[in-house]
Amino acid sequence: MSKGLIAIIAVVVILGAWAASAYNSMVQVQETATTALSNVQSAYQRRADLIPNLVETVKGYAAHEKQTLEDVVAARSKATQITLDPENMTPEKMKEFQQAQGELGSALGRLIAIQENYPDLKANENFRDLQVQLEGTENRINEARNKYNQAVQGYNVEIRSFPKNIFAGIFGFAKMDKFEAEAGAEKAPQVKF
């Protein structure tokens, strides 16, 4: 074999090894991001699972607040029907998911506000425990969303950086969307009793 042929084979082998390494690193950061998205959905599911217990507890103490309770149940139902699929995620689907979760959070806020008007409910141990669980769940959701956004940032940087962006385009790695604040979230909520 000639030295030229050996050099060409060596370059091809080195490029092939580098391409395989680049592909594998893109798969790894993509999996990190999709796992983080699953963790966000898990946190939202935990909240949705707590809601029936909260509603039943509140029903016993605030039967005349039926509309608020029905709003919570309806918002929960809508929120649990929308899921995000990492394979087919679009900005529109992300926005729809965030809107449904925002409606649920708003309905829960109204439900929590009821407690201020009903001392018996406020003093009820089950209600307090569920309220603590919901607060913890909201914190988990926020933490999961932040971790997802960090994972997506790492993934997007990986696939958009040269020269991996060339392989990303060839192998179909597409940019992922981050969670964003809901419209109007920059304004502090006004609580009235």
Foldseek 3Di string as FASTA:
>chain_A
DDPVVVVVVVVVVVVVVVLVVLVVVLVVLLVQLVVLLVQLVVLLVLLLVLLVVLLVLVCVQCVVVVVLSVQLVVLSVLLVVQGADPVDDDPVSLLSNVVSSVSNVVSVVVVVLVCVVGVVSVPDPSNVVSVVVNVVSVVSSVVSLVSSQVSLVVSQCSCVDPPNVVVCVVVVPDRDDGRDDDPPPVDDDDDDD
